[in-house]
Every structure is written in structure tokens, then in C-alpha cells.
Amino acid sequence: MPTHGSMTKAGKVRKATPKIEQKKRKNMNPRVKNKKEFIVRSQRVERPIRRRR
């Protein structure tokens, strides 16, 4: 089965590229933000007191 390149060239481009530091996110992921908002909203809701008859 023919290959698309020799094994001597494998991984050379990735090793040659400089490592770039990852930037910090300014905002939260939408999924995490929605989860936090849901938790805050669900705790804020007061449940009515059930009266026994």
C-alpha cells in the first residue's frame, strides 16, 4: 500500500513550529454560565408553605 510521505519526514513540521501560550478566556463558556444562572434562580424561588387540613 503506497504512503503519502516518507517516515523520515513525520512530525517535523509540528516540532518546528514555536509553542504559543494559550490566552485566558475573558468570559465563561455559555454552558457554564447558564448552569450558574440556573442554580442561582432555583435557590431564589421560595416554595409556598403547604398547610395540612
Protein backbone atom coordinates (compact mmCIF):
# COMPACT_ATOMS: atom_id res chain seq x y z
CA MET A 1 0.00 0.00 0.00
CA PRO A 2 1.57 3.34 -1.01
CA THR A 3 2.10 6.08 1.60
CA HIS A 4 1.77 9.83 1.14
CA GLY A 5 5.18 10.68 2.54
CA SER A 6 8.28 9.10 3.89
CA MET A 7 8.58 8.22 7.56
CA THR A 8 11.74 10.34 7.83
CA LYS A 9 9.62 13.50 7.44
CA ALA A 10 7.00 12.52 10.01
CA GLY A 11 6.39 15.11 12.77
CA LYS A 12 8.97 17.64 11.55
CA VAL A 13 6.51 20.49 10.93
CA ARG A 14 4.88 20.22 14.36
CA LYS A 15 8.26 20.15 16.12
CA ALA A 16 9.49 23.15 14.11
CA THR A 17 6.55 25.45 14.96
CA PRO A 18 7.01 27.65 18.04
CA LYS A 19 4.89 26.98 21.12
CA ILE A 20 2.28 29.70 21.65
CA GLU A 21 0.90 30.35 25.13
CA GLN A 22 -2.84 29.88 25.50
CA LYS A 23 -4.87 33.06 26.07
CA LYS A 24 -7.08 33.31 29.14
CA ARG A 25 -10.80 33.47 28.46
CA LYS A 26 -12.49 36.74 29.34
CA ASN A 27 -15.96 35.24 29.64
CA MET A 28 -17.23 31.88 30.81
CA ASN A 29 -18.45 29.18 28.45
CA PRO A 30 -22.16 29.63 27.71
CA ARG A 31 -22.89 26.18 29.19
CA VAL A 32 -21.16 27.02 32.49
CA LYS A 33 -22.74 30.48 32.65
CA ASN A 34 -26.25 29.08 32.09
CA LYS A 35 -25.68 26.43 34.76
CA LYS A 36 -24.62 29.03 37.35
CA GLU A 37 -27.58 31.28 36.49
CA PHE A 38 -29.98 28.32 36.81
CA ILE A 39 -28.62 27.39 40.24
CA VAL A 40 -28.94 30.98 41.48
CA ARG A 41 -32.50 31.29 40.12
CA SER A 42 -33.64 27.96 41.53
CA GLN A 43 -32.36 28.83 45.01
CA ARG A 44 -34.03 32.24 44.94
CA VAL A 45 -37.53 30.85 44.34
CA GLU A 46 -39.43 30.48 47.60
CA ARG A 47 -41.61 27.44 47.82
CA PRO A 48 -45.10 28.03 49.25
CA ILE A 49 -45.77 26.55 52.70
CA ARG A 50 -48.12 23.60 52.44
CA ARG A 51 -50.85 23.68 55.04
CA ARG A 52 -52.29 20.48 56.33
CA ARG A 53 -56.03 20.17 56.67
